[in-house]
Amino acid sequence: MSDSRIGTTVTHRRYVPYSHAHYAGNLVDGAYSLGLFGDVATELCILLDGDEGLFASYSDVQFKAPVRAGDVLENTATLIRAGTRSRVMDFAVIVVARGAATAEAPGAAAVLTPPVVATTATGTVVVPPSDSAD
């Protein structure tokens, strides 16, 4: 039986403030992306199940490009499999704009064309059993 919820996607956008820079070059640590994955997973569970759910695990986390303070990120969660209580999701953090500050223009930024995939992962979230569970 096919689950019509498969393929449902939630997307958030977020500016990365300079207060989150953790390393030289205004780099942000990888845990920042994982936190964003938790946010979109929560919304996807609320949308599909009426509950925030609880993260159970990540698999295949890939840090493909740096995330920097001043970036604008697009964060997505897409449902790829649904069990009785488990929801398996694919995640991506994509850099859509990046700060390009200079001494003359400290607030300069540029839209990235094409956008840069920074982090990907697959994760499993569990939700309470539904009233209609077998």
C-alpha atoms as a PDB file:
ATOM      1  CA  MET A   1       0.000   0.000   0.000  1.00  0.00           C
ATOM      2  CA  SER A   2       1.339   3.434  -0.963  1.00  0.00           C
ATOM      3  CA  ASP A   3       1.588   6.199   1.628  1.00  0.00           C
ATOM      4  CA  SER A   4       0.525   9.504   0.064  1.00  0.00           C
ATOM      5  CA  ARG A   5       2.613  11.390   2.650  1.00  0.00           C
ATOM      6  CA  ILE A   6       5.880  10.175   1.100  1.00  0.00           C
ATOM      7  CA  GLY A   7       7.607  13.099  -0.599  1.00  0.00           C
ATOM      8  CA  THR A   8       6.103  15.715   1.713  1.00  0.00           C
ATOM      9  CA  THR A   9       8.725  18.430   2.219  1.00  0.00           C
ATOM     10  CA  VAL A  10       9.157  21.244   4.729  1.00  0.00           C
ATOM     11  CA  THR A  11      11.553  24.114   4.016  1.00  0.00           C
ATOM     12  CA  HIS A  12      12.874  26.823   6.335  1.00  0.00           C
ATOM     13  CA  ARG A  13      15.231  29.679   5.512  1.00  0.00           C
ATOM     14  CA  ARG A  14      17.554  31.196   8.057  1.00  0.00           C
ATOM     15  CA  TYR A  15      20.264  33.833   8.197  1.00  0.00           C
ATOM     16  CA  VAL A  16      23.344  32.670  10.117  1.00  0.00           C
ATOM     17  CA  PRO A  17      24.307  35.449  12.552  1.00  0.00           C
ATOM     18  CA  TYR A  18      27.965  36.284  13.123  1.00  0.00           C
ATOM     19  CA  SER A  19      27.526  35.323  16.781  1.00  0.00           C
ATOM     20  CA  HIS A  20      27.445  31.675  15.601  1.00  0.00           C
ATOM     21  CA  ALA A  21      30.889  31.791  13.996  1.00  0.00           C
ATOM     22  CA  HIS A  22      32.971  29.183  15.774  1.00  0.00           C
ATOM     23  CA  TYR A  23      36.188  28.940  13.760  1.00  0.00           C
ATOM     24  CA  ALA A  24      38.545  31.138  11.733  1.00  0.00           C
ATOM     25  CA  GLY A  25      37.060  32.484   8.521  1.00  0.00           C
ATOM     26  CA  ASN A  26      33.660  32.855  10.212  1.00  0.00           C
ATOM     27  CA  LEU A  27      33.053  29.106   9.897  1.00  0.00           C
ATOM     28  CA  VAL A  28      30.068  27.646  11.755  1.00  0.00           C
ATOM     29  CA  ASP A  29      30.358  24.197  13.337  1.00  0.00           C
ATOM     30  CA  GLY A  30      28.617  21.207  11.751  1.00  0.00           C
ATOM     31  CA  ALA A  31      26.267  20.851  14.701  1.00  0.00           C
ATOM     32  CA  TYR A  32      24.522  24.013  13.490  1.00  0.00           C
ATOM     33  CA  SER A  33      23.189  22.117  10.441  1.00  0.00           C
ATOM     34  CA  LEU A  34      22.048  19.221  12.622  1.00  0.00           C
ATOM     35  CA  GLY A  35      20.077  21.641  14.787  1.00  0.00           C
ATOM     36  CA  LEU A  36      18.368  22.999  11.668  1.00  0.00           C
ATOM     37  CA  PHE A  37      17.486  19.444  10.653  1.00  0.00           C
ATOM     38  CA  GLY A  38      15.771  19.030  14.022  1.00  0.00           C
ATOM     39  CA  ASP A  39      13.690  22.152  13.357  1.00  0.00           C
ATOM     40  CA  VAL A  40      12.405  21.037   9.948  1.00  0.00           C
ATOM     41  CA  ALA A  41      11.844  17.469  11.207  1.00  0.00           C
ATOM     42  CA  THR A  42       9.715  18.839  14.047  1.00  0.00           C
ATOM     43  CA  GLU A  43       7.538  20.826  11.668  1.00  0.00           C
ATOM     44  CA  LEU A  44       7.194  17.849   9.306  1.00  0.00           C
ATOM     45  CA  CYS A  45       6.054  15.612  12.198  1.00  0.00           C
ATOM     46  CA  ILE A  46       3.555  18.238  13.354  1.00  0.00           C
ATOM     47  CA  LEU A  47       2.232  18.547   9.807  1.00  0.00           C
ATOM     48  CA  LEU A  48       1.911  14.793   9.246  1.00  0.00           C
ATOM     49  CA  ASP A  49       1.187  13.445  12.737  1.00  0.00           C
ATOM     50  CA  GLY A  50       0.077  16.326  14.949  1.00  0.00           C
ATOM     51  CA  ASP A  51       3.060  15.696  17.261  1.00  0.00           C
ATOM     52  CA  GLU A  52       6.607  17.066  17.441  1.00  0.00           C
ATOM     53  CA  GLY A  53       8.136  13.583  17.435  1.00  0.00           C
ATOM     54  CA  LEU A  54      11.517  12.615  18.881  1.00  0.00           C
ATOM     55  CA  PHE A  55      14.714  12.225  16.883  1.00  0.00           C
ATOM     56  CA  ALA A  56      16.006   8.637  17.125  1.00  0.00           C
ATOM     57  CA  SER A  57      19.046   8.641  14.833  1.00  0.00           C
ATOM     58  CA  TYR A  58      20.973  10.141  11.963  1.00  0.00           C
ATOM     59  CA  SER A  59      22.656   8.165   9.220  1.00  0.00           C
ATOM     60  CA  ASP A  60      24.895   9.188   6.366  1.00  0.00           C
ATOM     61  CA  VAL A  61      25.620  12.733   7.574  1.00  0.00           C
ATOM     62  CA  GLN A  62      27.740  14.480   4.923  1.00  0.00           C
ATOM     63  CA  PHE A  63      29.446  17.851   5.403  1.00  0.00           C
ATOM     64  CA  LYS A  64      29.979  18.846   1.778  1.00  0.00           C
ATOM     65  CA  ALA A  65      30.770  22.571   1.955  1.00  0.00           C
ATOM     66  CA  PRO A  66      31.341  25.143   4.695  1.00  0.00           C
ATOM     67  CA  VAL A  67      28.590  27.104   6.406  1.00  0.00           C
ATOM     68  CA  ARG A  68      29.715  30.599   7.369  1.00  0.00           C
ATOM     69  CA  ALA A  69      28.304  33.413   9.451  1.00  0.00           C
ATOM     70  CA  GLY A  70      26.471  35.733   7.076  1.00  0.00           C
ATOM     71  CA  ASP A  71      25.050  32.867   5.000  1.00  0.00           C
ATOM     72  CA  VAL A  72      21.374  32.480   4.185  1.00  0.00           C
ATOM     73  CA  LEU A  73      20.480  28.802   4.408  1.00  0.00           C
ATOM     74  CA  GLU A  74      17.599  26.825   2.982  1.00  0.00           C
ATOM     75  CA  ASN A  75      16.924  23.795   5.175  1.00  0.00           C
ATOM     76  CA  THR A  76      14.685  20.970   3.988  1.00  0.00           C
ATOM     77  CA  ALA A  77      13.254  17.738   5.322  1.00  0.00           C
ATOM     78  CA  THR A  78      11.536  15.302   2.971  1.00  0.00           C
ATOM     79  CA  LEU A  79       9.655  12.216   4.151  1.00  0.00           C
ATOM     80  CA  ILE A  80      11.061   9.169   2.354  1.00  0.00           C
ATOM     81  CA  ARG A  81       9.580   6.314   4.444  1.00  0.00           C
ATOM     82  CA  ALA A  82       6.847   6.001   7.079  1.00  0.00           C
ATOM     83  CA  GLY A  83       6.383   3.095   9.448  1.00  0.00           C
ATOM     84  CA  THR A  84       3.814   2.672  12.190  1.00  0.00           C
ATOM     85  CA  ARG A  85       5.698   5.095  14.438  1.00  0.00           C
ATOM     86  CA  SER A  86       8.911   5.898  12.546  1.00  0.00           C
ATOM     87  CA  ARG A  87       9.398   8.613   9.972  1.00  0.00           C
ATOM     88  CA  VAL A  88      12.555   8.466   7.847  1.00  0.00           C
ATOM     89  CA  MET A  89      13.540  11.791   6.297  1.00  0.00           C
ATOM     90  CA  ASP A  90      16.184  13.123   3.953  1.00  0.00           C
ATOM     91  CA  PHE A  91      17.684  16.466   4.968  1.00  0.00           C
ATOM     92  CA  ALA A  92      19.664  19.171   3.198  1.00  0.00           C
ATOM     93  CA  VAL A  93      21.188  22.511   4.151  1.00  0.00           C
ATOM     94  CA  ILE A  94      21.768  24.633   1.054  1.00  0.00           C
ATOM     95  CA  VAL A  95      23.599  27.979   1.070  1.00  0.00           C
ATOM     96  CA  VAL A  96      21.518  30.339  -1.092  1.00  0.00           C
ATOM     97  CA  ALA A  97      23.310  33.605  -0.243  1.00  0.00           C
ATOM     98  CA  ARG A  98      26.629  34.485   1.366  1.00  0.00           C
ATOM     99  CA  GLY A  99      28.043  37.559   3.051  1.00  0.00           C
ATOM    100  CA  ALA A 100      30.657  39.301   0.895  1.00  0.00           C
ATOM    101  CA  ALA A 101      31.795  42.056   3.227  1.00  0.00           C
ATOM    102  CA  THR A 102      34.574  44.465   2.272  1.00  0.00           C
ATOM    103  CA  ALA A 103      36.009  47.438   4.139  1.00  0.00           C
ATOM    104  CA  GLU A 104      33.989  49.733   1.873  1.00  0.00           C
ATOM    105  CA  ALA A 105      30.763  47.672   2.065  1.00  0.00           C
ATOM    106  CA  PRO A 106      30.677  45.765   5.374  1.00  0.00           C
ATOM    107  CA  GLY A 107      27.100  44.573   4.780  1.00  0.00           C
ATOM    108  CA  ALA A 108      27.623  43.345   1.223  1.00  0.00           C
ATOM    109  CA  ALA A 109      26.200  39.933   0.326  1.00  0.00           C
ATOM    110  CA  ALA A 110      25.517  37.956  -2.815  1.00  0.00           C
ATOM    111  CA  VAL A 111      22.959  35.400  -3.947  1.00  0.00           C
ATOM    112  CA  LEU A 112      24.786  32.190  -4.915  1.00  0.00           C
ATOM    113  CA  THR A 113      24.024  30.934  -8.397  1.00  0.00           C
ATOM    114  CA  PRO A 114      23.978  28.025  -8.229  1.00  0.00           C
ATOM    115  CA  PRO A 115      23.300  27.490  -4.523  1.00  0.00           C
ATOM    116  CA  VAL A 116      25.786  25.315  -2.615  1.00  0.00           C
ATOM    117  CA  VAL A 117      24.755  22.086  -0.873  1.00  0.00           C
ATOM    118  CA  ALA A 118      26.505  22.303   2.497  1.00  0.00           C
ATOM    119  CA  THR A 119      25.142  19.371   4.535  1.00  0.00           C
ATOM    120  CA  THR A 120      22.989  16.323   3.848  1.00  0.00           C
ATOM    121  CA  ALA A 121      21.730  13.518   6.072  1.00  0.00           C
ATOM    122  CA  THR A 122      19.087  10.901   6.560  1.00  0.00           C
ATOM    123  CA  GLY A 123      17.353  10.707   9.923  1.00  0.00           C
ATOM    124  CA  THR A 124      14.693   8.761  11.759  1.00  0.00           C
ATOM    125  CA  VAL A 125      12.090  10.353  14.000  1.00  0.00           C
ATOM    126  CA  VAL A 126       9.532   8.480  16.100  1.00  0.00           C
ATOM    127  CA  VAL A 127       6.020   9.696  16.833  1.00  0.00           C
ATOM    128  CA  PRO A 128       3.399   8.367  19.266  1.00  0.00           C
ATOM    129  CA  PRO A 129       1.084   5.677  17.907  1.00  0.00           C
ATOM    130  CA  SER A 130      -1.966   7.101  16.183  1.00  0.00           C
ATOM    131  CA  ASP A 131      -5.467   6.275  17.387  1.00  0.00           C
ATOM    132  CA  SER A 132      -6.018   4.380  14.148  1.00  0.00           C
ATOM    133  CA  ALA A 133      -2.889   2.188  14.468  1.00  0.00           C
ATOM    134  CA  ASP A 134      -3.500  -1.516  13.881  1.00  0.00           C
END
